[in-house]
Protein backbone atom coordinates (compact mmCIF):
# COMPACT_ATOMS: atom_id res chain seq x y z
CA MET A 1 -12.32 -23.22 2.46
CA SER A 2 -14.48 -22.44 5.29
CA TYR A 3 -13.60 -18.79 5.13
CA GLU A 4 -16.68 -19.25 3.17
CA LYS A 5 -13.98 -21.22 1.47
CA GLN A 6 -15.92 -22.54 -1.51
CA ASP A 7 -17.86 -19.29 -2.04
CA LEU A 8 -14.62 -17.41 -2.39
CA PHE A 9 -13.81 -18.82 -5.80
CA HIS A 10 -16.97 -18.50 -7.89
CA LYS A 11 -16.33 -15.04 -9.37
CA GLN A 12 -12.67 -15.23 -10.33
CA SER A 13 -10.32 -18.09 -11.10
CA MET A 14 -9.01 -20.03 -8.13
CA SER A 15 -5.46 -18.85 -8.71
CA GLU A 16 -6.51 -15.16 -8.76
CA GLN A 17 -8.49 -15.61 -5.56
CA LEU A 18 -5.58 -17.44 -3.97
CA VAL A 19 -3.25 -14.56 -4.83
CA ASP A 20 -5.59 -12.19 -2.96
CA TYR A 21 -5.95 -14.67 -0.09
CA ILE A 22 -2.17 -15.05 0.40
CA LYS A 23 -1.64 -11.28 0.15
CA THR A 24 -4.30 -10.77 2.84
CA GLN A 25 -2.55 -13.29 5.09
CA ILE A 26 0.71 -11.36 4.68
CA LEU A 27 -0.92 -7.99 5.38
CA ASN A 28 -2.70 -9.42 8.43
CA GLY A 29 0.55 -10.79 9.82
CA GLU A 30 -0.52 -14.43 9.45
CA LEU A 31 2.39 -14.87 7.06
CA ASN A 32 5.58 -12.93 7.67
CA PRO A 33 8.80 -12.38 5.70
CA GLY A 34 10.78 -15.62 5.64
CA ASP A 35 7.75 -17.85 6.33
CA ARG A 36 7.22 -20.90 4.13
CA VAL A 37 4.05 -21.23 2.10
CA VAL A 38 3.37 -24.96 2.10
CA GLU A 39 1.46 -25.95 -1.04
CA THR A 40 -0.01 -29.16 0.34
CA LYS A 41 -1.11 -27.51 3.59
CA LEU A 42 -2.75 -24.59 1.77
CA ALA A 43 -4.52 -26.87 -0.70
CA LYS A 44 -5.83 -29.07 2.13
CA GLU A 45 -6.91 -26.07 4.21
CA LEU A 46 -8.89 -24.64 1.30
CA ASN A 47 -10.10 -28.01 0.04
CA ILE A 48 -8.73 -27.49 -3.47
CA SER A 49 -6.10 -29.14 -5.68
CA GLN A 50 -2.46 -28.08 -5.65
CA THR A 51 -2.59 -26.86 -9.28
CA PRO A 52 -4.19 -23.43 -8.59
CA VAL A 53 -1.93 -23.07 -5.56
CA ARG A 54 1.13 -23.48 -7.76
CA GLU A 55 -0.30 -21.01 -10.30
CA ALA A 56 -0.92 -18.45 -7.56
CA LEU A 57 2.59 -18.89 -6.17
CA ARG A 58 4.08 -18.41 -9.64
CA GLN A 59 2.16 -15.14 -9.98
CA LEU A 60 3.29 -13.99 -6.54
CA GLN A 61 6.86 -14.90 -7.46
CA GLY A 62 6.53 -12.73 -10.58
CA GLU A 63 5.35 -9.85 -8.38
CA GLY A 64 8.35 -10.26 -6.08
CA ILE A 65 6.21 -11.28 -3.10
CA ILE A 66 7.23 -14.96 -3.00
CA MET A 67 10.62 -16.47 -3.76
CA ILE A 68 11.26 -20.14 -4.52
CA VAL A 69 14.28 -21.42 -2.58
CA PRO A 70 15.80 -24.80 -3.53
CA ASN A 71 15.16 -27.49 -0.90
CA ARG A 72 12.90 -25.11 1.03
CA GLY A 73 10.14 -24.19 -1.39
CA PRO A 74 8.12 -20.94 -1.53
CA LEU A 75 9.02 -18.30 1.06
CA VAL A 76 7.56 -14.85 1.71
CA CYS A 77 10.16 -12.32 0.52
CA ASP A 78 11.76 -10.01 3.02
CA LEU A 79 11.74 -6.27 2.28
CA LYS A 80 15.30 -5.04 1.88
CA ILE A 81 16.08 -1.37 2.37
CA GLU A 82 16.77 -1.12 -1.37
CA ASP A 83 13.25 -2.42 -2.03
CA VAL A 84 11.81 0.19 0.29
CA PHE A 85 13.70 2.95 -1.53
CA GLU A 86 12.31 1.75 -4.85
CA ILE A 87 8.74 1.60 -3.50
CA TYR A 88 8.82 5.07 -1.98
CA SER A 89 10.67 6.72 -4.87
CA MET A 90 8.16 5.24 -7.34
CA ARG A 91 5.33 6.50 -5.15
CA SER A 92 6.90 9.95 -5.14
CA VAL A 93 6.86 10.12 -8.93
CA LEU A 94 3.40 8.60 -9.43
CA GLU A 95 1.63 10.44 -6.62
CA GLY A 96 3.40 13.71 -7.40
CA LEU A 97 2.02 13.56 -10.93
CA ALA A 98 -1.38 12.39 -9.65
CA ILE A 99 -1.91 15.34 -7.33
CA ARG A 100 -0.60 17.76 -9.98
CA LEU A 101 -3.30 16.48 -12.36
CA ALA A 102 -5.95 16.31 -9.62
CA THR A 103 -5.56 20.02 -8.82
CA GLN A 104 -6.51 20.71 -12.44
CA LEU A 105 -9.11 18.01 -13.11
CA ALA A 106 -10.94 17.26 -9.85
CA THR A 107 -14.24 19.06 -9.34
CA ASP A 108 -14.90 21.27 -6.34
CA GLU A 109 -17.43 18.68 -5.18
CA GLU A 110 -14.85 15.87 -5.31
CA ILE A 111 -12.33 17.87 -3.31
CA ALA A 112 -15.02 18.84 -0.80
CA GLU A 113 -15.99 15.19 -0.45
CA LEU A 114 -12.38 14.22 0.26
CA GLU A 115 -12.10 17.04 2.81
CA HIS A 116 -15.26 15.73 4.48
CA TYR A 117 -13.63 12.28 4.68
CA TYR A 118 -10.53 13.88 6.18
CA ASN A 119 -12.64 15.62 8.85
CA GLU A 120 -14.20 12.27 9.75
CA MET A 121 -10.68 10.84 10.01
CA LYS A 122 -9.71 13.73 12.29
CA SER A 123 -12.70 13.07 14.55
CA LYS A 124 -11.27 9.61 15.34
CA LEU A 125 -8.38 11.17 17.26
CA THR A 126 -10.43 11.09 20.46
CA ASN A 127 -11.62 7.51 19.99
CA GLU A 128 -9.34 5.39 22.17
CA LYS A 129 -10.55 2.19 20.54
CA ILE A 130 -8.96 3.27 17.27
CA THR A 131 -5.20 2.78 17.48
CA HIS A 132 -4.12 3.91 14.02
CA LEU A 133 -5.43 5.63 10.91
CA LEU A 134 -3.50 3.82 8.20
CA LYS A 135 -6.62 2.73 6.35
CA GLU A 136 -7.86 6.33 6.25
CA SER A 137 -4.47 7.62 5.14
CA PHE A 138 -4.32 5.06 2.33
CA TYR A 139 -7.82 6.08 1.20
CA ILE A 140 -6.74 9.72 0.84
CA HIS A 141 -3.77 8.72 -1.31
CA ASP A 142 -5.84 6.28 -3.36
CA THR A 143 -8.49 8.95 -3.97
CA ILE A 144 -5.89 11.42 -5.21
CA ILE A 145 -4.68 8.76 -7.63
CA ARG A 146 -8.25 8.34 -8.93
CA LEU A 147 -8.78 12.09 -9.20
CA SER A 148 -5.84 12.29 -11.60
CA ARG A 149 -8.09 10.72 -14.29
CA HIS A 150 -4.89 9.09 -15.62
CA ASN A 151 -5.62 5.45 -16.45
CA ARG A 152 -2.05 4.26 -16.97
CA LEU A 153 -0.91 5.99 -13.81
CA MET A 154 -3.70 4.20 -11.92
CA GLN A 155 -2.62 0.87 -13.39
CA MET A 156 1.00 1.42 -12.39
CA TYR A 157 -0.03 2.46 -8.90
CA LYS A 158 -2.15 -0.67 -8.57
CA SER A 159 0.87 -2.80 -9.46
CA ILE A 160 2.76 -1.55 -6.37
CA SER A 161 -0.23 -1.08 -4.06
CA PHE A 162 0.45 -4.33 -2.20
CA GLN A 163 4.06 -3.33 -1.49
CA ILE A 164 2.82 0.06 -0.30
CA ALA A 165 0.30 -1.61 2.02
CA LEU A 166 3.00 -3.94 3.36
CA VAL A 167 5.37 -1.08 4.15
CA ASN A 168 2.48 0.79 5.79
CA ARG A 169 1.71 -2.26 7.92
CA ILE A 170 5.30 -2.33 9.18
CA LEU A 171 5.38 1.44 9.75
CA GLY A 172 1.97 1.37 11.46
CA THR A 173 3.51 0.56 14.83
CA TYR A 174 5.66 3.69 14.56
CA SER A 175 3.20 6.29 13.34
CA THR A 176 0.62 7.99 15.58
CA LYS A 177 -2.92 9.11 14.84
CA GLU A 178 -1.94 12.71 15.47
CA LYS A 179 0.89 12.45 12.93
CA GLU A 180 -1.39 10.87 10.30
CA VAL A 181 -3.99 13.61 10.73
CA MET A 182 -1.49 16.47 10.73
CA GLU A 183 0.46 15.27 7.69
CA HIS A 184 -2.56 14.47 5.53
CA TRP A 185 -4.08 17.90 5.94
CA GLU A 186 -1.28 19.29 3.77
CA LEU A 187 -2.50 17.13 0.88
CA ILE A 188 -6.09 18.33 1.22
CA ASP A 189 -4.86 21.92 1.45
CA ALA A 190 -2.68 21.46 -1.65
CA LEU A 191 -5.69 20.23 -3.64
CA LYS A 192 -7.78 23.20 -2.51
CA ARG A 193 -5.10 25.68 -3.58
CA ARG A 194 -5.32 24.47 -7.20
CA ASP A 195 -1.61 25.14 -7.69
CA PRO A 196 -0.16 22.13 -9.61
CA GLN A 197 3.52 22.79 -8.85
CA TYR A 198 2.90 23.47 -5.17
CA ALA A 199 0.78 20.33 -4.93
CA GLU A 200 3.40 18.11 -6.57
CA ASN A 201 6.18 19.46 -4.34
CA THR A 202 4.00 18.95 -1.26
CA MET A 203 3.24 15.34 -2.17
CA ARG A 204 6.84 14.47 -2.93
CA LYS A 205 8.00 15.96 0.38
CA HIS A 206 5.17 14.13 2.15
CA ILE A 207 6.29 10.78 0.77
CA TYR A 208 9.96 11.52 1.41
CA ARG A 209 9.17 12.14 5.08
CA SER A 210 7.38 8.78 5.24
CA TYR A 211 10.43 7.13 3.71
CA CYS A 212 12.67 8.78 6.32
CA ASP A 213 10.34 7.59 9.09
CA PHE A 214 10.57 4.04 7.80
CA ILE A 215 14.35 3.88 7.51
CA GLU A 216 14.77 5.48 10.94
CA PHE A 217 12.35 2.88 12.32
CA GLN A 218 14.55 0.20 10.74
CA GLY A 219 17.76 1.83 11.99
CA GLN A 220 18.99 2.58 8.46
CA SER A 221 19.39 6.35 8.57
CA ASP A 222 22.40 6.23 6.22
CA PHE A 223 19.99 5.62 3.35
CA LYS A 224 18.55 9.14 3.48
CA ASN A 225 19.37 11.26 0.45
CA GLU A 226 16.94 14.03 -0.37
CA ASP A 227 18.77 14.75 -3.63
CA ASN A 228 17.34 11.50 -5.04
CA TRP A 229 13.80 12.74 -4.52
CA LEU A 230 13.17 16.44 -4.90
């Protein structure tokens, strides 16, 4: 695999590396919902056998990223609006708990470091070469998860992190840098206040707004129901 294709596989098993490779292709837009993943083509492109390709596709099928369709083979799953609701509502629970714990467990230095990162993010508003701040926004959320010091919560969040990244990729064309900066300050401020209940409510409202943005972007406004969230 000339993507330093052979070097890619020396640390982990081929199938694990292939899972990451296919996920990256989806997040980069090289594979889109409904596209076929052709085993023989992928194996030839990467100069490997079809066995690890099949193993990777089985894992991706188990994660709900690939579906096997009779007479068509593996296809990239489309995100239904019900899937999006499940992703965002799960985020609301996990990240609400994470920031509640982080307000109690994170050190002043850790919160100051995250605020410094936020200020660097804010400084990119005037850089016309930077079109979005999704990576920076994701880092803030991921850091809050880590500051919870809750190992099982981190594991559960990791299990849906790809779906979160995929939804963010779709929403990225809709969100603006100004919106990302404005809405992520409230999370930094909530951490600094050290009020667990306030922080959890702030995070859950933050994620609910993102959900509303997504369904409006998809023209599915009937799926809003704040009672399911807060």
